[in-house]
Each structure stands twice: as C-alpha cells, then as structure tokens.
Amino acid sequence: GKQEVLKGVESGIFYREKDGSVWVDLTDEGLDKKVLIRADGTSVYMTQDIGTAILRFRDFPALKQLIYTVGNEQNYHFKVLFIILRKLGYAWAEECKHLSYGMVELPTGKMKSREGRVVDADDLIEEMRDTARSKAEELGKLDDFSEEEKEELYSVIGLGALKYYILKVDPKKQITFNPEESIDFAGNTGPFIQYTHARIKTLLSKADNVSNEIDLNIDISETEKNIVHDLYRYGEVLETAVKELNPAHLANYCYELVKGYNFMYQTIPILKEEDGEKRKFRLYLSECVARQIKDAMQLLGITVPDRM
C-alpha cells in the first residue's frame, strides 16, 4: 500500500506535507483531505486497504468485483477508498462495492467490543442451541430421535434461527436480535421454514410415489395457483437479491412461499384427495415447494432438515 501511495506522490495524485506525511485532497469530490502515510512513515488503514485491493486483482486476474461487507460506521472510509483507487487509474475500482449494514444489537445492548462489552459468537451460537433445545423439548416431538440426532437438530435449528433472523432484514437497517423470538415455529423465522420443509418431506414419505407426469388440464384452486406463481418468480427474486446485494429478498420470498403452502396444507386435502389427478398434482406441487425451500435456504447458508 505504501509503495502504491508513493507512486501516487510521484505522479502528482497525492502530495507530501512539510512533516513528511502524505495526503490526498478530495475536496473536489465533496469530501476532505485524508492522510495516507503518517509523518513517521507508518501507514494507516486506508493505505493497507489500497494495497490489499490491488494485490487481490493482481493475484486473481479473473476477479471482476470486490464486495466489502462492513458495518455502516465505515461508509466514509470506503467512499474514500474507491475514489483513491479510481485516481490511481484502476478501472476495476468502479466494480468495488461496500455492502454497508446496520449494527446488530442484543436486547441488552450493542454486539460490539469497543464500548467494553464483548459478545462472543461461539457463546451466542451456544445460546441459540440451548434455546432450540428448550423449545423442541417443550413441543415434545422428538421421541423417536436418538440423542445424537437431537443434538444435531438443535444445532441446525439454532443456527438457522440466528442466520435467518438477521438475513430477513434489509442489510442497511439496524436490528435488535432476540434469541427467543427467532425460534418461533409459527412466524417469519428460520425454524418455521425448516419445519414446513420437514412437514412436506413427511407427507411425501407417506405417498405411494410422486410423479411429475401430471394432467395440466385439471382445475386447480386459487391457493394452488398462487403457489405455482410463487415458484415461478424464484428466478426474478434471485436476480433482485444479487443486483441489490440484499439477501433479505430471498429470505422473505421463502417465508411467503411457506406461508402460502401451509395455507394449502391446512385447507385442501392432499393425501386424502379422492380425485387421483388432483392428488398427484398436489403431491408434485408439494415436492416442488420442498425443493425450492431447500435451494433458497441453502443460498442463505441455512440447512433444512427432513425431520423435526
């Protein structure tokens, strides 16, 4: 980074003060002046980030974009970084993005250490496992699970709850993470979506077979049509999430899909449907929903179990 900055001094992009420090003047950009090398010759964070960005593109020629996932307290820093890289003549600087996110707080305060409170990620994950364990035991549906299977499931549910609770909110917004609220099996939560996937897999296991050779001319209800529509718009949601660097689109899509399916499950017969073609269609629709849930949640880094 220091070498790149010194090259910038030689080419007149940066300037040196009498005390030997090196600066960049960004007043024309509506910003201020920024030190890049201190008077004693040491670098600052900005200098290191300049060097690291250049090294990444140098070491990986196929690289097209850098996305910095850093809190919104650093908005100014990255605005300056990208301008400096452009001034240095790197065309790829246009493709550098700062995925700025709001701070995550616990009900007891901020999840950060600079104020003297350290929130350890491992401790939080362990707390989520414990919360999942107490909720599962409260519901009492794991009698046929071995102890090893139960422990694995607690981890899957706990981590799913934690990840989903954070990812369902627009990254720019500040949120308060509530462990108890995140493991609600009946709301916009990871466990609710996980449970629906497990419910569908149990349903399909009770069917003789699931065929994709269905009669496309049968009459289906508005509820079923809505689910088909939700399945169809998956690609559009993915495209938006990628374009906006916002996984909340994908998380909330999962919730809407699951909510619609649960309404169908509770109001329309599936296994007990007497019309063979309608039964076949509803089973196939259920399989498609389960597959879509698994795919979308996997993109969010969340595992969906087959049994819960």
C-alpha atoms as a PDB file:
ATOM      1  CA  GLY A   1       0.000   0.000   0.000  1.00  0.00           C
ATOM      2  CA  LYS A   2       2.799   2.422   0.892  1.00  0.00           C
ATOM      3  CA  GLN A   3       4.545   1.687  -2.435  1.00  0.00           C
ATOM      4  CA  GLU A   4       1.349   2.494  -4.339  1.00  0.00           C
ATOM      5  CA  VAL A   5       0.885   5.719  -2.393  1.00  0.00           C
ATOM      6  CA  LEU A   6       4.480   6.805  -3.051  1.00  0.00           C
ATOM      7  CA  LYS A   7       3.933   6.175  -6.789  1.00  0.00           C
ATOM      8  CA  GLY A   8       0.892   8.431  -6.474  1.00  0.00           C
ATOM      9  CA  VAL A   9       3.096  11.165  -4.980  1.00  0.00           C
ATOM     10  CA  GLU A  10       5.482  10.912  -7.961  1.00  0.00           C
ATOM     11  CA  SER A  11       2.605  11.218 -10.426  1.00  0.00           C
ATOM     12  CA  GLY A  12       1.060  14.177  -8.585  1.00  0.00           C
ATOM     13  CA  ILE A  13      -2.094  12.349  -7.421  1.00  0.00           C
ATOM     14  CA  PHE A  14      -1.069  12.723  -3.761  1.00  0.00           C
ATOM     15  CA  TYR A  15       1.081  15.356  -2.054  1.00  0.00           C
ATOM     16  CA  ARG A  16       3.618  15.467   0.752  1.00  0.00           C
ATOM     17  CA  GLU A  17       3.431  17.879   3.673  1.00  0.00           C
ATOM     18  CA  LYS A  18       6.486  19.546   5.252  1.00  0.00           C
ATOM     19  CA  ASP A  19       6.496  16.994   8.075  1.00  0.00           C
ATOM     20  CA  GLY A  20       6.865  14.176   5.518  1.00  0.00           C
ATOM     21  CA  SER A  21       3.283  12.869   5.759  1.00  0.00           C
ATOM     22  CA  VAL A  22       1.431  12.026   2.533  1.00  0.00           C
ATOM     23  CA  TRP A  23      -2.124  13.203   1.842  1.00  0.00           C
ATOM     24  CA  VAL A  24      -4.826  13.108  -0.810  1.00  0.00           C
ATOM     25  CA  ASP A  25      -7.049  16.135  -1.401  1.00  0.00           C
ATOM     26  CA  LEU A  26     -10.648  15.068  -2.047  1.00  0.00           C
ATOM     27  CA  THR A  27     -12.300  18.474  -1.617  1.00  0.00           C
ATOM     28  CA  ASP A  28     -13.239  18.485  -5.312  1.00  0.00           C
ATOM     29  CA  GLU A  29     -15.187  15.287  -4.598  1.00  0.00           C
ATOM     30  CA  GLY A  30     -17.128  16.981  -1.769  1.00  0.00           C
ATOM     31  CA  LEU A  31     -15.009  15.206   0.858  1.00  0.00           C
ATOM     32  CA  ASP A  32     -11.954  16.372   2.821  1.00  0.00           C
ATOM     33  CA  LYS A  33      -8.206  15.779   2.915  1.00  0.00           C
ATOM     34  CA  LYS A  34      -7.050  12.338   4.004  1.00  0.00           C
ATOM     35  CA  VAL A  35      -3.680  11.240   5.378  1.00  0.00           C
ATOM     36  CA  LEU A  36      -2.249   8.103   3.717  1.00  0.00           C
ATOM     37  CA  ILE A  37       1.219   7.900   5.287  1.00  0.00           C
ATOM     38  CA  ARG A  38       1.997   9.468   8.663  1.00  0.00           C
ATOM     39  CA  ALA A  39       4.952  11.758   9.323  1.00  0.00           C
ATOM     40  CA  ASP A  40       6.853   8.851  10.925  1.00  0.00           C
ATOM     41  CA  GLY A  41       6.438   6.796   7.728  1.00  0.00           C
ATOM     42  CA  THR A  42       3.814   4.375   9.076  1.00  0.00           C
ATOM     43  CA  SER A  43       0.698   3.506   7.132  1.00  0.00           C
ATOM     44  CA  VAL A  44      -2.967   3.928   8.055  1.00  0.00           C
ATOM     45  CA  TYR A  45      -5.911   1.583   7.435  1.00  0.00           C
ATOM     46  CA  MET A  46      -6.631   3.332   4.132  1.00  0.00           C
ATOM     47  CA  THR A  47      -3.101   2.656   2.867  1.00  0.00           C
ATOM     48  CA  GLN A  48      -3.398  -1.010   3.753  1.00  0.00           C
ATOM     49  CA  ASP A  49      -6.781  -1.297   2.037  1.00  0.00           C
ATOM     50  CA  ILE A  50      -5.375   0.315  -1.121  1.00  0.00           C
ATOM     51  CA  GLY A  51      -2.546  -2.218  -1.245  1.00  0.00           C
ATOM     52  CA  THR A  52      -4.784  -5.180  -0.440  1.00  0.00           C
ATOM     53  CA  ALA A  53      -7.330  -4.326  -3.163  1.00  0.00           C
ATOM     54  CA  ILE A  54      -4.588  -4.018  -5.783  1.00  0.00           C
ATOM     55  CA  LEU A  55      -2.989  -7.308  -4.670  1.00  0.00           C
ATOM     56  CA  ARG A  56      -6.302  -9.142  -4.918  1.00  0.00           C
ATOM     57  CA  PHE A  57      -6.829  -8.119  -8.535  1.00  0.00           C
ATOM     58  CA  ARG A  58      -3.178  -8.794  -9.326  1.00  0.00           C
ATOM     59  CA  ASP A  59      -3.205 -12.280  -7.763  1.00  0.00           C
ATOM     60  CA  PHE A  60      -6.586 -13.229  -9.229  1.00  0.00           C
ATOM     61  CA  PRO A  61      -6.755 -11.869 -12.812  1.00  0.00           C
ATOM     62  CA  ALA A  62     -10.233 -13.345 -13.357  1.00  0.00           C
ATOM     63  CA  LEU A  63     -11.633 -11.329 -10.430  1.00  0.00           C
ATOM     64  CA  LYS A  64     -14.395  -8.966 -11.545  1.00  0.00           C
ATOM     65  CA  GLN A  65     -15.658  -7.379  -8.356  1.00  0.00           C
ATOM     66  CA  LEU A  66     -14.867  -6.763  -4.694  1.00  0.00           C
ATOM     67  CA  ILE A  67     -17.719  -6.558  -2.197  1.00  0.00           C
ATOM     68  CA  TYR A  68     -16.729  -5.265   1.244  1.00  0.00           C
ATOM     69  CA  THR A  69     -19.228  -6.483   3.864  1.00  0.00           C
ATOM     70  CA  VAL A  70     -18.586  -3.980   6.637  1.00  0.00           C
ATOM     71  CA  GLY A  71     -20.792  -2.019   9.054  1.00  0.00           C
ATOM     72  CA  ASN A  72     -22.250   1.370   8.120  1.00  0.00           C
ATOM     73  CA  GLU A  73     -19.876   3.127  10.512  1.00  0.00           C
ATOM     74  CA  GLN A  74     -17.274   2.719   7.739  1.00  0.00           C
ATOM     75  CA  ASN A  75     -19.321   4.284   4.895  1.00  0.00           C
ATOM     76  CA  TYR A  76     -16.973   7.258   4.590  1.00  0.00           C
ATOM     77  CA  HIS A  77     -13.852   5.081   4.616  1.00  0.00           C
ATOM     78  CA  PHE A  78     -14.965   3.029   1.619  1.00  0.00           C
ATOM     79  CA  LYS A  79     -16.204   6.045  -0.307  1.00  0.00           C
ATOM     80  CA  VAL A  80     -12.682   7.488   0.013  1.00  0.00           C
ATOM     81  CA  LEU A  81     -11.012   4.147  -0.820  1.00  0.00           C
ATOM     82  CA  PHE A  82     -12.889   3.701  -4.099  1.00  0.00           C
ATOM     83  CA  ILE A  83     -12.185   7.305  -5.191  1.00  0.00           C
ATOM     84  CA  ILE A  84      -8.456   6.859  -4.475  1.00  0.00           C
ATOM     85  CA  LEU A  85      -8.328   3.607  -6.473  1.00  0.00           C
ATOM     86  CA  ARG A  86     -10.008   5.366  -9.396  1.00  0.00           C
ATOM     87  CA  LYS A  87      -7.491   8.238  -9.153  1.00  0.00           C
ATOM     88  CA  LEU A  88      -4.686   5.669  -9.302  1.00  0.00           C
ATOM     89  CA  GLY A  89      -6.095   4.544 -12.656  1.00  0.00           C
ATOM     90  CA  TYR A  90      -7.608   1.174 -11.743  1.00  0.00           C
ATOM     91  CA  ALA A  91     -10.711   0.710 -13.919  1.00  0.00           C
ATOM     92  CA  TRP A  92     -11.942  -2.150 -11.727  1.00  0.00           C
ATOM     93  CA  ALA A  93     -12.466   0.348  -8.898  1.00  0.00           C
ATOM     94  CA  GLU A  94     -15.845   1.058 -10.487  1.00  0.00           C
ATOM     95  CA  GLU A  95     -16.845  -2.506  -9.584  1.00  0.00           C
ATOM     96  CA  CYS A  96     -15.879  -2.232  -5.926  1.00  0.00           C
ATOM     97  CA  LYS A  97     -18.923  -2.140  -3.663  1.00  0.00           C
ATOM     98  CA  HIS A  98     -19.431  -1.550   0.031  1.00  0.00           C
ATOM     99  CA  LEU A  99     -22.245  -3.754   1.355  1.00  0.00           C
ATOM    100  CA  SER A 100     -22.979  -1.461   4.278  1.00  0.00           C
ATOM    101  CA  TYR A 101     -25.068  -2.986   7.033  1.00  0.00           C
ATOM    102  CA  GLY A 102     -26.702  -1.656  10.189  1.00  0.00           C
ATOM    103  CA  MET A 103     -25.432  -2.654  13.587  1.00  0.00           C
ATOM    104  CA  VAL A 104     -26.860  -5.749  15.273  1.00  0.00           C
ATOM    105  CA  GLU A 105     -27.912  -5.263  18.872  1.00  0.00           C
ATOM    106  CA  LEU A 106     -28.973  -7.673  21.581  1.00  0.00           C
ATOM    107  CA  PRO A 107     -31.848  -6.705  23.904  1.00  0.00           C
ATOM    108  CA  THR A 108     -29.105  -5.807  26.405  1.00  0.00           C
ATOM    109  CA  GLY A 109     -27.083  -3.582  24.066  1.00  0.00           C
ATOM    110  CA  LYS A 110     -24.748  -3.463  21.082  1.00  0.00           C
ATOM    111  CA  MET A 111     -22.959  -6.544  19.779  1.00  0.00           C
ATOM    112  CA  LYS A 112     -19.531  -4.933  19.660  1.00  0.00           C
ATOM    113  CA  SER A 113     -16.463  -4.717  21.821  1.00  0.00           C
ATOM    114  CA  ARG A 114     -15.294  -1.081  21.529  1.00  0.00           C
ATOM    115  CA  GLU A 115     -17.591   0.015  24.350  1.00  0.00           C
ATOM    116  CA  GLY A 116     -16.029  -2.668  26.536  1.00  0.00           C
ATOM    117  CA  ARG A 117     -18.711  -5.336  26.048  1.00  0.00           C
ATOM    118  CA  VAL A 118     -17.535  -8.401  24.173  1.00  0.00           C
ATOM    119  CA  VAL A 119     -20.179 -10.610  22.569  1.00  0.00           C
ATOM    120  CA  ASP A 120     -18.529 -13.868  21.603  1.00  0.00           C
ATOM    121  CA  ALA A 121     -20.002 -15.527  18.506  1.00  0.00           C
ATOM    122  CA  ASP A 122     -19.443 -19.025  19.928  1.00  0.00           C
ATOM    123  CA  ASP A 123     -21.318 -18.074  23.104  1.00  0.00           C
ATOM    124  CA  LEU A 124     -24.208 -16.680  21.072  1.00  0.00           C
ATOM    125  CA  ILE A 125     -24.382 -19.833  18.928  1.00  0.00           C
ATOM    126  CA  GLU A 126     -24.356 -21.991  22.062  1.00  0.00           C
ATOM    127  CA  GLU A 127     -27.172 -19.893  23.483  1.00  0.00           C
ATOM    128  CA  MET A 128     -29.131 -20.468  20.266  1.00  0.00           C
ATOM    129  CA  ARG A 129     -28.609 -24.244  20.585  1.00  0.00           C
ATOM    130  CA  ASP A 130     -29.891 -24.123  24.166  1.00  0.00           C
ATOM    131  CA  THR A 131     -32.920 -22.093  23.118  1.00  0.00           C
ATOM    132  CA  ALA A 132     -33.647 -24.578  20.313  1.00  0.00           C
ATOM    133  CA  ARG A 133     -33.286 -27.459  22.786  1.00  0.00           C
ATOM    134  CA  SER A 134     -35.777 -25.980  25.277  1.00  0.00           C
ATOM    135  CA  LYS A 135     -38.283 -25.134  22.517  1.00  0.00           C
ATOM    136  CA  ALA A 136     -38.053 -28.617  20.996  1.00  0.00           C
ATOM    137  CA  GLU A 137     -38.457 -30.296  24.384  1.00  0.00           C
ATOM    138  CA  GLU A 138     -41.432 -28.070  25.087  1.00  0.00           C
ATOM    139  CA  LEU A 139     -43.116 -29.230  21.862  1.00  0.00           C
ATOM    140  CA  GLY A 140     -42.184 -32.848  22.627  1.00  0.00           C
ATOM    141  CA  LYS A 141     -41.987 -34.199  19.070  1.00  0.00           C
ATOM    142  CA  LEU A 142     -38.556 -35.826  19.140  1.00  0.00           C
ATOM    143  CA  ASP A 143     -39.321 -39.093  20.931  1.00  0.00           C
ATOM    144  CA  ASP A 144     -38.108 -41.222  18.022  1.00  0.00           C
ATOM    145  CA  PHE A 145     -34.810 -39.305  17.709  1.00  0.00           C
ATOM    146  CA  SER A 146     -31.557 -40.614  19.176  1.00  0.00           C
ATOM    147  CA  GLU A 147     -29.606 -38.267  21.486  1.00  0.00           C
ATOM    148  CA  GLU A 148     -27.060 -37.684  18.714  1.00  0.00           C
ATOM    149  CA  GLU A 149     -29.823 -36.821  16.230  1.00  0.00           C
ATOM    150  CA  LYS A 150     -31.404 -34.458  18.743  1.00  0.00           C
ATOM    151  CA  GLU A 151     -28.141 -32.582  19.320  1.00  0.00           C
ATOM    152  CA  GLU A 152     -27.595 -32.263  15.565  1.00  0.00           C
ATOM    153  CA  LEU A 153     -31.115 -30.940  15.130  1.00  0.00           C
ATOM    154  CA  TYR A 154     -30.688 -28.371  17.929  1.00  0.00           C
ATOM    155  CA  SER A 155     -27.631 -27.013  16.105  1.00  0.00           C
ATOM    156  CA  VAL A 156     -29.436 -26.895  12.761  1.00  0.00           C
ATOM    157  CA  ILE A 157     -32.455 -25.117  14.260  1.00  0.00           C
ATOM    158  CA  GLY A 158     -30.378 -22.746  16.402  1.00  0.00           C
ATOM    159  CA  LEU A 159     -28.063 -21.674  13.587  1.00  0.00           C
ATOM    160  CA  GLY A 160     -30.959 -21.468  11.133  1.00  0.00           C
ATOM    161  CA  ALA A 161     -32.840 -19.188  13.527  1.00  0.00           C
ATOM    162  CA  LEU A 162     -29.821 -16.939  14.046  1.00  0.00           C
ATOM    163  CA  LYS A 163     -28.937 -16.601  10.360  1.00  0.00           C
ATOM    164  CA  TYR A 164     -32.488 -16.147   9.127  1.00  0.00           C
ATOM    165  CA  TYR A 165     -33.399 -13.538  11.767  1.00  0.00           C
ATOM    166  CA  ILE A 166     -30.508 -11.353  10.600  1.00  0.00           C
ATOM    167  CA  LEU A 167     -30.766 -12.043   6.852  1.00  0.00           C
ATOM    168  CA  LYS A 168     -34.503 -11.324   6.579  1.00  0.00           C
ATOM    169  CA  VAL A 169     -33.873  -7.652   7.374  1.00  0.00           C
ATOM    170  CA  ASP A 170     -32.539  -5.163   4.806  1.00  0.00           C
ATOM    171  CA  PRO A 171     -28.753  -5.005   5.419  1.00  0.00           C
ATOM    172  CA  LYS A 172     -28.806  -1.235   5.878  1.00  0.00           C
ATOM    173  CA  LYS A 173     -31.224  -1.362   8.797  1.00  0.00           C
ATOM    174  CA  GLN A 174     -30.165  -1.653  12.411  1.00  0.00           C
ATOM    175  CA  ILE A 175     -31.769  -4.597  14.179  1.00  0.00           C
ATOM    176  CA  THR A 176     -32.203  -5.954  17.671  1.00  0.00           C
ATOM    177  CA  PHE A 177     -31.596  -9.691  17.718  1.00  0.00           C
ATOM    178  CA  ASN A 178     -33.903 -11.504  20.111  1.00  0.00           C
ATOM    179  CA  PRO A 179     -32.918 -15.192  20.561  1.00  0.00           C
ATOM    180  CA  GLU A 180     -36.335 -16.227  21.934  1.00  0.00           C
ATOM    181  CA  GLU A 181     -38.255 -14.506  19.155  1.00  0.00           C
ATOM    182  CA  SER A 182     -36.012 -16.002  16.455  1.00  0.00           C
ATOM    183  CA  ILE A 183     -37.031 -19.569  17.403  1.00  0.00           C
ATOM    184  CA  ASP A 184     -40.756 -19.191  16.917  1.00  0.00           C
ATOM    185  CA  PHE A 185     -42.227 -22.081  14.945  1.00  0.00           C
ATOM    186  CA  ALA A 186     -45.186 -20.009  13.744  1.00  0.00           C
ATOM    187  CA  GLY A 187     -43.814 -16.710  12.441  1.00  0.00           C
ATOM    188  CA  ASN A 188     -41.382 -15.249   9.917  1.00  0.00           C
ATOM    189  CA  THR A 189     -38.479 -17.296  11.272  1.00  0.00           C
ATOM    190  CA  GLY A 190     -35.950 -19.883  10.141  1.00  0.00           C
ATOM    191  CA  PRO A 191     -37.473 -22.680  12.257  1.00  0.00           C
ATOM    192  CA  PHE A 192     -40.937 -22.071  10.757  1.00  0.00           C
ATOM    193  CA  ILE A 193     -39.490 -22.551   7.259  1.00  0.00           C
ATOM    194  CA  GLN A 194     -37.400 -25.541   8.378  1.00  0.00           C
ATOM    195  CA  TYR A 195     -40.453 -27.125   9.983  1.00  0.00           C
ATOM    196  CA  THR A 196     -42.514 -26.689   6.804  1.00  0.00           C
ATOM    197  CA  HIS A 197     -39.810 -28.428   4.771  1.00  0.00           C
ATOM    198  CA  ALA A 198     -39.787 -31.328   7.252  1.00  0.00           C
ATOM    199  CA  ARG A 199     -43.591 -31.460   7.173  1.00  0.00           C
ATOM    200  CA  ILE A 200     -43.582 -31.768   3.365  1.00  0.00           C
ATOM    201  CA  LYS A 201     -40.911 -34.479   3.425  1.00  0.00           C
ATOM    202  CA  THR A 202     -43.004 -36.453   5.940  1.00  0.00           C
ATOM    203  CA  LEU A 203     -46.074 -36.032   3.731  1.00  0.00           C
ATOM    204  CA  LEU A 204     -44.212 -37.251   0.649  1.00  0.00           C
ATOM    205  CA  SER A 205     -42.842 -40.268   2.543  1.00  0.00           C
ATOM    206  CA  LYS A 206     -46.432 -41.365   3.180  1.00  0.00           C
ATOM    207  CA  ALA A 207     -47.353 -41.185  -0.518  1.00  0.00           C
ATOM    208  CA  ASP A 208     -47.003 -44.266  -2.729  1.00  0.00           C
ATOM    209  CA  ASN A 209     -44.965 -42.314  -5.244  1.00  0.00           C
ATOM    210  CA  VAL A 210     -44.640 -38.756  -6.560  1.00  0.00           C
ATOM    211  CA  SER A 211     -44.818 -38.367 -10.334  1.00  0.00           C
ATOM    212  CA  ASN A 212     -44.060 -35.306 -12.425  1.00  0.00           C
ATOM    213  CA  GLU A 213     -46.338 -36.659 -15.160  1.00  0.00           C
ATOM    214  CA  ILE A 214     -49.366 -34.607 -14.218  1.00  0.00           C
ATOM    215  CA  ASP A 215     -52.501 -33.572 -16.075  1.00  0.00           C
ATOM    216  CA  LEU A 216     -52.074 -29.896 -16.925  1.00  0.00           C
ATOM    217  CA  ASN A 217     -55.758 -29.508 -17.818  1.00  0.00           C
ATOM    218  CA  ILE A 218     -57.172 -30.095 -14.334  1.00  0.00           C
ATOM    219  CA  ASP A 219     -58.894 -27.319 -12.431  1.00  0.00           C
ATOM    220  CA  ILE A 220     -56.853 -26.037  -9.523  1.00  0.00           C
ATOM    221  CA  SER A 221     -57.781 -23.620  -6.742  1.00  0.00           C
ATOM    222  CA  GLU A 222     -56.609 -20.026  -6.363  1.00  0.00           C
ATOM    223  CA  THR A 223     -54.460 -21.173  -3.457  1.00  0.00           C
ATOM    224  CA  GLU A 224     -52.634 -23.656  -5.683  1.00  0.00           C
ATOM    225  CA  LYS A 225     -52.307 -21.080  -8.461  1.00  0.00           C
ATOM    226  CA  ASN A 226     -50.678 -18.664  -6.033  1.00  0.00           C
ATOM    227  CA  ILE A 227     -48.123 -21.303  -5.036  1.00  0.00           C
ATOM    228  CA  VAL A 228     -47.342 -22.051  -8.690  1.00  0.00           C
ATOM    229  CA  HIS A 229     -46.876 -18.319  -9.250  1.00  0.00           C
ATOM    230  CA  ASP A 230     -44.529 -18.055  -6.254  1.00  0.00           C
ATOM    231  CA  LEU A 231     -42.480 -20.981  -7.548  1.00  0.00           C
ATOM    232  CA  TYR A 232     -42.246 -19.348 -10.964  1.00  0.00           C
ATOM    233  CA  ARG A 233     -40.951 -15.996  -9.680  1.00  0.00           C
ATOM    234  CA  TYR A 234     -37.991 -17.536  -7.834  1.00  0.00           C
ATOM    235  CA  GLY A 235     -35.528 -16.579 -10.586  1.00  0.00           C
ATOM    236  CA  GLU A 236     -36.717 -12.976 -10.529  1.00  0.00           C
ATOM    237  CA  VAL A 237     -36.255 -12.786  -6.741  1.00  0.00           C
ATOM    238  CA  LEU A 238     -32.741 -14.243  -7.012  1.00  0.00           C
ATOM    239  CA  GLU A 239     -31.819 -11.701  -9.682  1.00  0.00           C
ATOM    240  CA  THR A 240     -33.035  -8.822  -7.495  1.00  0.00           C
ATOM    241  CA  ALA A 241     -31.184 -10.141  -4.441  1.00  0.00           C
ATOM    242  CA  VAL A 242     -27.929 -10.380  -6.406  1.00  0.00           C
ATOM    243  CA  LYS A 243     -28.348  -6.998  -8.101  1.00  0.00           C
ATOM    244  CA  GLU A 244     -29.080  -5.199  -4.821  1.00  0.00           C
ATOM    245  CA  LEU A 245     -26.661  -7.312  -2.705  1.00  0.00           C
ATOM    246  CA  ASN A 246     -29.631  -7.932  -0.431  1.00  0.00           C
ATOM    247  CA  PRO A 247     -30.346 -11.474   0.824  1.00  0.00           C
ATOM    248  CA  ALA A 248     -33.487 -10.205   2.601  1.00  0.00           C
ATOM    249  CA  HIS A 249     -35.347 -10.570  -0.720  1.00  0.00           C
ATOM    250  CA  LEU A 250     -34.561 -14.295  -0.736  1.00  0.00           C
ATOM    251  CA  ALA A 251     -35.340 -14.821   2.951  1.00  0.00           C
ATOM    252  CA  ASN A 252     -38.734 -13.142   2.727  1.00  0.00           C
ATOM    253  CA  TYR A 253     -39.517 -14.993  -0.502  1.00  0.00           C
ATOM    254  CA  CYS A 254     -39.031 -18.254   1.435  1.00  0.00           C
ATOM    255  CA  TYR A 255     -41.443 -17.065   4.106  1.00  0.00           C
ATOM    256  CA  GLU A 256     -44.140 -16.082   1.589  1.00  0.00           C
ATOM    257  CA  LEU A 257     -43.793 -19.413  -0.236  1.00  0.00           C
ATOM    258  CA  VAL A 258     -44.009 -21.356   3.030  1.00  0.00           C
ATOM    259  CA  LYS A 259     -46.946 -19.300   4.295  1.00  0.00           C
ATOM    260  CA  GLY A 260     -48.872 -19.991   1.086  1.00  0.00           C
ATOM    261  CA  TYR A 261     -48.081 -23.693   1.213  1.00  0.00           C
ATOM    262  CA  ASN A 262     -49.161 -24.013   4.852  1.00  0.00           C
ATOM    263  CA  PHE A 263     -52.487 -22.418   3.992  1.00  0.00           C
ATOM    264  CA  MET A 264     -52.968 -25.036   1.262  1.00  0.00           C
ATOM    265  CA  TYR A 265     -51.894 -27.835   3.620  1.00  0.00           C
ATOM    266  CA  GLN A 266     -54.479 -26.787   6.208  1.00  0.00           C
ATOM    267  CA  THR A 267     -57.403 -26.107   3.843  1.00  0.00           C
ATOM    268  CA  ILE A 268     -57.067 -28.526   0.919  1.00  0.00           C
ATOM    269  CA  PRO A 269     -56.776 -32.339   1.154  1.00  0.00           C
ATOM    270  CA  ILE A 270     -53.596 -33.787  -0.304  1.00  0.00           C
ATOM    271  CA  LEU A 271     -53.160 -37.454   0.631  1.00  0.00           C
ATOM    272  CA  LYS A 272     -56.896 -37.809   1.271  1.00  0.00           C
ATOM    273  CA  GLU A 273     -57.907 -36.235  -2.054  1.00  0.00           C
ATOM    274  CA  GLU A 274     -60.134 -38.749  -3.857  1.00  0.00           C
ATOM    275  CA  ASP A 275     -59.539 -37.369  -7.356  1.00  0.00           C
ATOM    276  CA  GLY A 276     -56.391 -39.203  -8.473  1.00  0.00           C
ATOM    277  CA  GLU A 277     -55.140 -36.464 -10.817  1.00  0.00           C
ATOM    278  CA  LYS A 278     -55.626 -33.700  -8.256  1.00  0.00           C
ATOM    279  CA  ARG A 279     -53.868 -35.797  -5.620  1.00  0.00           C
ATOM    280  CA  LYS A 280     -50.971 -36.417  -7.993  1.00  0.00           C
ATOM    281  CA  PHE A 281     -50.744 -32.684  -8.782  1.00  0.00           C
ATOM    282  CA  ARG A 282     -50.771 -31.629  -5.111  1.00  0.00           C
ATOM    283  CA  LEU A 283     -48.081 -34.126  -4.213  1.00  0.00           C
ATOM    284  CA  TYR A 284     -45.901 -32.933  -7.085  1.00  0.00           C
ATOM    285  CA  LEU A 285     -46.561 -29.298  -6.105  1.00  0.00           C
ATOM    286  CA  SER A 286     -45.516 -30.162  -2.547  1.00  0.00           C
ATOM    287  CA  GLU A 287     -42.306 -31.722  -3.797  1.00  0.00           C
ATOM    288  CA  CYS A 288     -41.524 -28.610  -5.863  1.00  0.00           C
ATOM    289  CA  VAL A 289     -42.073 -26.380  -2.832  1.00  0.00           C
ATOM    290  CA  ALA A 290     -39.765 -28.530  -0.667  1.00  0.00           C
ATOM    291  CA  ARG A 291     -37.080 -28.452  -3.345  1.00  0.00           C
ATOM    292  CA  GLN A 292     -37.360 -24.674  -3.703  1.00  0.00           C
ATOM    293  CA  ILE A 293     -37.232 -24.137   0.073  1.00  0.00           C
ATOM    294  CA  LYS A 294     -34.082 -26.257   0.333  1.00  0.00           C
ATOM    295  CA  ASP A 295     -32.386 -24.467  -2.562  1.00  0.00           C
ATOM    296  CA  ALA A 296     -33.221 -20.952  -1.345  1.00  0.00           C
ATOM    297  CA  MET A 297     -32.298 -21.646   2.272  1.00  0.00           C
ATOM    298  CA  GLN A 298     -29.029 -23.244   1.166  1.00  0.00           C
ATOM    299  CA  LEU A 299     -28.155 -19.984  -0.606  1.00  0.00           C
ATOM    300  CA  LEU A 300     -28.692 -18.260   2.753  1.00  0.00           C
ATOM    301  CA  GLY A 301     -26.362 -20.777   4.406  1.00  0.00           C
ATOM    302  CA  ILE A 302     -29.197 -22.484   6.267  1.00  0.00           C
ATOM    303  CA  THR A 303     -29.797 -26.249   6.455  1.00  0.00           C
ATOM    304  CA  VAL A 304     -33.348 -27.579   6.297  1.00  0.00           C
ATOM    305  CA  PRO A 305     -33.828 -30.999   7.974  1.00  0.00           C
ATOM    306  CA  ASP A 306     -36.053 -33.767   6.607  1.00  0.00           C
ATOM    307  CA  ARG A 307     -37.413 -34.494  10.103  1.00  0.00           C
ATOM    308  CA  MET A 308     -38.284 -32.220  13.002  1.00  0.00           C
END
